[in-house]
Amino acid sequence: MRRGCPVEATLDLVGGKWKGVIVYHLLDGTLRFNELRRRLPTATQRVLIRQLRELEESGLVIRTVHAQVPPRVDYALSAEGRSLDQLVRAMHAWGQARLERIGRTAPSAAGLNRAA
């Protein structure tokens, strides 16, 4: 990475196929792993786990393990992760407009009608 490039620094944290989408869904609040899997049906379990770990390591996501049977793991955005709200909303708006321009409809997903 070039020293001091803000766009590269941002993409290093949220780039890739699923990280931005994971952050988008976690803006709705804390979710369990299987809830995230349902919202990202084309992401494999392995990839989703890896992306969540990377987001956790970068300080954007907080992983909470609850000592119960069966085990429960929750994922939530940290304060730093929540600071991506405006960026993710802008990406959502741009993507929605792009899909409309090219004649495609956005796939339905929880949270798409979140108020700006």
N, C-alpha and C. Protein backbone atom coordinates (compact mmCIF):
# COMPACT_ATOMS: atom_id res chain seq x y z
N MET A 1 0.84 -1.18 0.00
CA MET A 1 0.00 0.00 0.00
C MET A 1 0.89 1.24 0.00
N ARG A 2 0.49 2.20 -0.81
CA ARG A 2 1.22 3.47 -0.80
C ARG A 2 0.95 4.17 0.52
N ARG A 3 1.96 4.73 1.04
CA ARG A 3 1.85 5.43 2.33
C ARG A 3 0.92 6.63 2.18
N GLY A 4 -0.10 6.68 3.02
CA GLY A 4 -0.96 7.84 3.06
C GLY A 4 -2.11 7.88 2.07
N CYS A 5 -2.37 6.83 1.32
CA CYS A 5 -3.49 6.84 0.38
C CYS A 5 -4.76 6.44 1.12
N PRO A 6 -5.68 7.37 1.37
CA PRO A 6 -6.87 7.07 2.16
C PRO A 6 -7.79 6.03 1.52
N VAL A 7 -7.91 6.06 0.19
CA VAL A 7 -8.79 5.09 -0.47
C VAL A 7 -8.23 3.68 -0.31
N GLU A 8 -6.94 3.52 -0.50
CA GLU A 8 -6.33 2.20 -0.30
C GLU A 8 -6.46 1.74 1.14
N ALA A 9 -6.28 2.65 2.08
CA ALA A 9 -6.40 2.29 3.50
C ALA A 9 -7.81 1.79 3.80
N THR A 10 -8.81 2.44 3.22
CA THR A 10 -10.20 2.02 3.43
C THR A 10 -10.46 0.67 2.78
N LEU A 11 -10.03 0.52 1.53
CA LEU A 11 -10.27 -0.73 0.83
C LEU A 11 -9.51 -1.90 1.45
N ASP A 12 -8.37 -1.62 2.08
CA ASP A 12 -7.66 -2.68 2.80
C ASP A 12 -8.54 -3.26 3.90
N LEU A 13 -9.37 -2.43 4.51
CA LEU A 13 -10.22 -2.88 5.61
C LEU A 13 -11.54 -3.48 5.14
N VAL A 14 -12.17 -2.87 4.15
CA VAL A 14 -13.53 -3.31 3.77
C VAL A 14 -13.62 -3.79 2.33
N GLY A 15 -12.48 -3.92 1.65
CA GLY A 15 -12.49 -4.40 0.28
C GLY A 15 -12.77 -5.89 0.22
N GLY A 16 -12.98 -6.38 -0.96
CA GLY A 16 -13.31 -7.78 -1.14
C GLY A 16 -14.80 -7.95 -1.37
N LYS A 17 -15.19 -9.16 -1.69
CA LYS A 17 -16.57 -9.41 -2.10
C LYS A 17 -17.58 -9.28 -0.96
N TRP A 18 -17.23 -9.63 0.27
CA TRP A 18 -18.23 -9.72 1.32
C TRP A 18 -18.09 -8.76 2.48
N LYS A 19 -16.93 -8.18 2.70
CA LYS A 19 -16.75 -7.35 3.90
C LYS A 19 -17.70 -6.16 3.94
N GLY A 20 -17.83 -5.45 2.85
CA GLY A 20 -18.75 -4.32 2.83
C GLY A 20 -20.19 -4.73 3.06
N VAL A 21 -20.57 -5.88 2.51
CA VAL A 21 -21.93 -6.38 2.67
C VAL A 21 -22.16 -6.82 4.12
N ILE A 22 -21.16 -7.43 4.73
CA ILE A 22 -21.26 -7.81 6.14
C ILE A 22 -21.46 -6.56 7.00
N VAL A 23 -20.64 -5.54 6.76
CA VAL A 23 -20.77 -4.29 7.51
C VAL A 23 -22.16 -3.71 7.30
N TYR A 24 -22.64 -3.73 6.06
CA TYR A 24 -23.98 -3.21 5.75
C TYR A 24 -25.04 -3.89 6.61
N HIS A 25 -25.01 -5.20 6.68
CA HIS A 25 -26.02 -5.92 7.45
C HIS A 25 -25.85 -5.70 8.96
N LEU A 26 -24.62 -5.58 9.42
CA LEU A 26 -24.40 -5.34 10.85
C LEU A 26 -24.80 -3.92 11.27
N LEU A 27 -24.99 -3.03 10.32
CA LEU A 27 -25.51 -1.71 10.66
C LEU A 27 -26.92 -1.81 11.23
N ASP A 28 -27.62 -2.91 10.92
CA ASP A 28 -28.96 -3.15 11.50
C ASP A 28 -28.88 -3.52 12.97
N GLY A 29 -27.71 -3.97 13.41
CA GLY A 29 -27.53 -4.38 14.80
C GLY A 29 -26.82 -5.72 14.89
N THR A 30 -26.71 -6.23 16.08
CA THR A 30 -26.02 -7.48 16.35
C THR A 30 -26.72 -8.64 15.64
N LEU A 31 -25.91 -9.51 15.02
CA LEU A 31 -26.45 -10.68 14.33
C LEU A 31 -25.66 -11.92 14.71
N ARG A 32 -26.35 -13.03 14.74
CA ARG A 32 -25.68 -14.31 14.93
C ARG A 32 -25.12 -14.78 13.59
N PHE A 33 -24.18 -15.71 13.65
CA PHE A 33 -23.53 -16.19 12.43
C PHE A 33 -24.56 -16.69 11.42
N ASN A 34 -25.49 -17.52 11.86
CA ASN A 34 -26.47 -18.08 10.92
C ASN A 34 -27.40 -17.02 10.34
N GLU A 35 -27.64 -15.95 11.08
CA GLU A 35 -28.43 -14.85 10.53
C GLU A 35 -27.67 -14.17 9.39
N LEU A 36 -26.37 -14.00 9.58
CA LEU A 36 -25.54 -13.45 8.50
C LEU A 36 -25.52 -14.40 7.30
N ARG A 37 -25.40 -15.68 7.56
CA ARG A 37 -25.40 -16.65 6.45
C ARG A 37 -26.68 -16.58 5.65
N ARG A 38 -27.81 -16.42 6.32
CA ARG A 38 -29.08 -16.31 5.60
C ARG A 38 -29.12 -15.04 4.75
N ARG A 39 -28.52 -13.99 5.24
CA ARG A 39 -28.51 -12.74 4.48
C ARG A 39 -27.51 -12.75 3.33
N LEU A 40 -26.55 -13.67 3.39
CA LEU A 40 -25.53 -13.80 2.34
C LEU A 40 -25.53 -15.23 1.82
N PRO A 41 -26.61 -15.66 1.17
CA PRO A 41 -26.74 -17.07 0.81
C PRO A 41 -25.71 -17.59 -0.18
N THR A 42 -25.08 -16.72 -0.96
CA THR A 42 -24.09 -17.20 -1.92
C THR A 42 -22.66 -17.21 -1.36
N ALA A 43 -22.49 -16.71 -0.15
CA ALA A 43 -21.16 -16.76 0.50
C ALA A 43 -21.02 -18.12 1.18
N THR A 44 -19.89 -18.77 0.97
CA THR A 44 -19.67 -20.04 1.64
C THR A 44 -19.39 -19.80 3.12
N GLN A 45 -19.62 -20.82 3.92
CA GLN A 45 -19.36 -20.70 5.35
C GLN A 45 -17.90 -20.35 5.61
N ARG A 46 -17.01 -21.00 4.90
CA ARG A 46 -15.57 -20.77 5.07
C ARG A 46 -15.19 -19.32 4.78
N VAL A 47 -15.70 -18.80 3.67
CA VAL A 47 -15.38 -17.42 3.29
C VAL A 47 -15.98 -16.45 4.30
N LEU A 48 -17.21 -16.69 4.73
CA LEU A 48 -17.85 -15.81 5.69
C LEU A 48 -17.08 -15.77 7.01
N ILE A 49 -16.65 -16.93 7.48
CA ILE A 49 -15.85 -17.00 8.71
C ILE A 49 -14.56 -16.20 8.54
N ARG A 50 -13.88 -16.38 7.41
CA ARG A 50 -12.61 -15.68 7.17
C ARG A 50 -12.82 -14.17 7.12
N GLN A 51 -13.86 -13.73 6.43
CA GLN A 51 -14.12 -12.30 6.32
C GLN A 51 -14.47 -11.70 7.68
N LEU A 52 -15.27 -12.42 8.48
CA LEU A 52 -15.61 -11.94 9.83
C LEU A 52 -14.36 -11.85 10.70
N ARG A 53 -13.47 -12.84 10.60
CA ARG A 53 -12.23 -12.80 11.38
C ARG A 53 -11.38 -11.60 11.00
N GLU A 54 -11.28 -11.34 9.70
CA GLU A 54 -10.49 -10.19 9.25
C GLU A 54 -11.10 -8.88 9.73
N LEU A 55 -12.42 -8.78 9.69
CA LEU A 55 -13.09 -7.57 10.19
C LEU A 55 -12.88 -7.42 11.69
N GLU A 56 -12.88 -8.55 12.40
CA GLU A 56 -12.62 -8.51 13.84
C GLU A 56 -11.18 -8.09 14.12
N GLU A 57 -10.23 -8.67 13.39
CA GLU A 57 -8.82 -8.33 13.58
C GLU A 57 -8.54 -6.86 13.28
N SER A 58 -9.29 -6.29 12.36
CA SER A 58 -9.08 -4.88 12.01
C SER A 58 -9.80 -3.94 12.96
N GLY A 59 -10.56 -4.50 13.91
CA GLY A 59 -11.24 -3.67 14.90
C GLY A 59 -12.59 -3.12 14.47
N LEU A 60 -13.12 -3.62 13.35
CA LEU A 60 -14.41 -3.13 12.87
C LEU A 60 -15.59 -3.93 13.42
N VAL A 61 -15.33 -5.18 13.78
CA VAL A 61 -16.39 -6.08 14.26
C VAL A 61 -16.00 -6.63 15.62
N ILE A 62 -16.99 -6.76 16.48
CA ILE A 62 -16.80 -7.38 17.80
C ILE A 62 -17.51 -8.73 17.78
N ARG A 63 -16.76 -9.76 18.14
CA ARG A 63 -17.30 -11.12 18.21
C ARG A 63 -17.49 -11.47 19.68
N THR A 64 -18.72 -11.87 20.03
CA THR A 64 -19.02 -12.22 21.41
C THR A 64 -19.48 -13.67 21.46
N VAL A 65 -18.76 -14.48 22.26
CA VAL A 65 -19.13 -15.89 22.43
C VAL A 65 -19.86 -16.01 23.76
N HIS A 66 -21.06 -16.57 23.71
CA HIS A 66 -21.87 -16.77 24.91
C HIS A 66 -21.72 -18.21 25.37
N ALA A 67 -21.39 -18.39 26.65
CA ALA A 67 -21.20 -19.73 27.21
C ALA A 67 -22.56 -20.35 27.50
N GLN A 68 -23.07 -21.04 26.52
CA GLN A 68 -24.34 -21.73 26.68
C GLN A 68 -24.35 -22.92 25.73
N VAL A 69 -25.33 -23.77 25.89
CA VAL A 69 -25.47 -24.94 25.02
C VAL A 69 -26.79 -24.81 24.29
N PRO A 70 -26.79 -24.83 22.96
CA PRO A 70 -25.61 -24.84 22.09
C PRO A 70 -24.89 -23.49 22.14
N PRO A 71 -23.62 -23.48 21.74
CA PRO A 71 -22.85 -22.24 21.78
C PRO A 71 -23.51 -21.17 20.90
N ARG A 72 -23.41 -19.93 21.34
CA ARG A 72 -23.96 -18.82 20.57
C ARG A 72 -22.87 -17.78 20.37
N VAL A 73 -22.72 -17.34 19.14
CA VAL A 73 -21.73 -16.32 18.80
C VAL A 73 -22.46 -15.17 18.11
N ASP A 74 -22.26 -13.97 18.63
CA ASP A 74 -22.87 -12.78 18.06
C ASP A 74 -21.79 -11.91 17.43
N TYR A 75 -22.18 -11.20 16.39
CA TYR A 75 -21.28 -10.25 15.73
C TYR A 75 -21.95 -8.89 15.72
N ALA A 76 -21.17 -7.87 16.05
CA ALA A 76 -21.67 -6.50 16.07
C ALA A 76 -20.56 -5.58 15.58
N LEU A 77 -20.95 -4.43 15.10
CA LEU A 77 -19.95 -3.44 14.71
C LEU A 77 -19.40 -2.74 15.94
N SER A 78 -18.12 -2.50 15.93
CA SER A 78 -17.50 -1.66 16.96
C SER A 78 -17.84 -0.20 16.63
N ALA A 79 -17.43 0.71 17.47
CA ALA A 79 -17.62 2.13 17.17
C ALA A 79 -16.93 2.49 15.86
N GLU A 80 -15.75 1.93 15.64
CA GLU A 80 -15.02 2.17 14.39
C GLU A 80 -15.80 1.61 13.21
N GLY A 81 -16.38 0.43 13.38
CA GLY A 81 -17.19 -0.16 12.32
C GLY A 81 -18.43 0.67 12.02
N ARG A 82 -19.08 1.17 13.06
CA ARG A 82 -20.27 2.01 12.87
C ARG A 82 -19.92 3.32 12.17
N SER A 83 -18.66 3.74 12.28
CA SER A 83 -18.26 4.98 11.60
C SER A 83 -18.29 4.83 10.08
N LEU A 84 -18.45 3.60 9.58
CA LEU A 84 -18.55 3.36 8.14
C LEU A 84 -19.97 3.57 7.61
N ASP A 85 -20.90 3.94 8.47
CA ASP A 85 -22.30 4.06 8.10
C ASP A 85 -22.51 4.91 6.85
N GLN A 86 -21.99 6.12 6.82
CA GLN A 86 -22.20 7.00 5.66
C GLN A 86 -21.57 6.43 4.39
N LEU A 87 -20.41 5.82 4.52
CA LEU A 87 -19.75 5.22 3.37
C LEU A 87 -20.61 4.09 2.80
N VAL A 88 -21.11 3.23 3.67
CA VAL A 88 -21.92 2.09 3.22
C VAL A 88 -23.24 2.58 2.63
N ARG A 89 -23.85 3.58 3.22
CA ARG A 89 -25.09 4.15 2.66
C ARG A 89 -24.84 4.72 1.26
N ALA A 90 -23.71 5.40 1.09
CA ALA A 90 -23.37 5.96 -0.22
C ALA A 90 -23.16 4.85 -1.24
N MET A 91 -22.50 3.76 -0.84
CA MET A 91 -22.31 2.63 -1.76
C MET A 91 -23.66 2.01 -2.11
N HIS A 92 -24.55 1.90 -1.13
CA HIS A 92 -25.89 1.34 -1.37
C HIS A 92 -26.64 2.21 -2.38
N ALA A 93 -26.64 3.51 -2.18
CA ALA A 93 -27.36 4.42 -3.08
C ALA A 93 -26.78 4.37 -4.49
N TRP A 94 -25.45 4.36 -4.59
CA TRP A 94 -24.81 4.30 -5.90
C TRP A 94 -25.14 2.98 -6.58
N GLY A 95 -25.04 1.88 -5.85
CA GLY A 95 -25.33 0.57 -6.42
C GLY A 95 -26.77 0.44 -6.87
N GLN A 96 -27.69 0.97 -6.07
CA GLN A 96 -29.10 0.91 -6.44
C GLN A 96 -29.35 1.71 -7.72
N ALA A 97 -28.78 2.90 -7.82
CA ALA A 97 -28.93 3.71 -9.03
C ALA A 97 -28.31 3.02 -10.23
N ARG A 98 -27.17 2.40 -10.03
CA ARG A 98 -26.50 1.68 -11.13
C ARG A 98 -27.35 0.52 -11.61
N LEU A 99 -27.89 -0.26 -10.69
CA LEU A 99 -28.75 -1.38 -11.08
C LEU A 99 -29.96 -0.89 -11.86
N GLU A 100 -30.52 0.23 -11.45
CA GLU A 100 -31.66 0.80 -12.19
C GLU A 100 -31.24 1.24 -13.58
N ARG A 101 -30.05 1.86 -13.70
CA ARG A 101 -29.57 2.32 -15.01
C ARG A 101 -29.36 1.17 -15.97
N ILE A 102 -28.89 0.05 -15.48
CA ILE A 102 -28.62 -1.08 -16.38
C ILE A 102 -29.80 -2.04 -16.48
N GLY A 103 -30.91 -1.66 -15.84
CA GLY A 103 -32.14 -2.44 -15.99
C GLY A 103 -32.23 -3.68 -15.14
N ARG A 104 -31.50 -3.71 -14.06
CA ARG A 104 -31.59 -4.84 -13.12
C ARG A 104 -32.23 -4.35 -11.85
N THR A 105 -32.83 -5.27 -11.12
CA THR A 105 -33.39 -4.89 -9.82
C THR A 105 -32.46 -5.41 -8.74
N ALA A 106 -32.40 -4.68 -7.66
CA ALA A 106 -31.57 -5.09 -6.52
C ALA A 106 -32.20 -6.29 -5.86
N PRO A 107 -31.39 -7.29 -5.45
CA PRO A 107 -31.95 -8.43 -4.74
C PRO A 107 -32.54 -7.98 -3.42
N SER A 108 -33.64 -8.61 -3.04
CA SER A 108 -34.24 -8.23 -1.76
C SER A 108 -33.36 -8.74 -0.63
N ALA A 109 -33.20 -7.90 0.37
CA ALA A 109 -32.41 -8.27 1.55
C ALA A 109 -32.88 -7.41 2.71
N ALA A 110 -32.74 -7.92 3.90
CA ALA A 110 -33.13 -7.17 5.09
C ALA A 110 -32.34 -5.88 5.15
N GLY A 111 -33.00 -4.80 5.52
CA GLY A 111 -32.31 -3.54 5.73
C GLY A 111 -32.21 -2.64 4.52
N LEU A 112 -32.69 -3.07 3.35
CA LEU A 112 -32.51 -2.25 2.16
C LEU A 112 -33.28 -0.94 2.22
N ASN A 113 -34.31 -0.87 3.01
CA ASN A 113 -35.11 0.35 3.08
C ASN A 113 -34.75 1.20 4.29
N ARG A 114 -33.58 0.97 4.86
CA ARG A 114 -33.14 1.73 6.03
C ARG A 114 -33.13 3.22 5.68
N ALA A 115 -33.66 4.03 6.56
CA ALA A 115 -33.72 5.48 6.33
C ALA A 115 -32.32 6.07 6.32
N ALA A 116 -32.13 7.05 5.49
CA ALA A 116 -30.80 7.69 5.39
C ALA A 116 -30.53 8.62 6.54
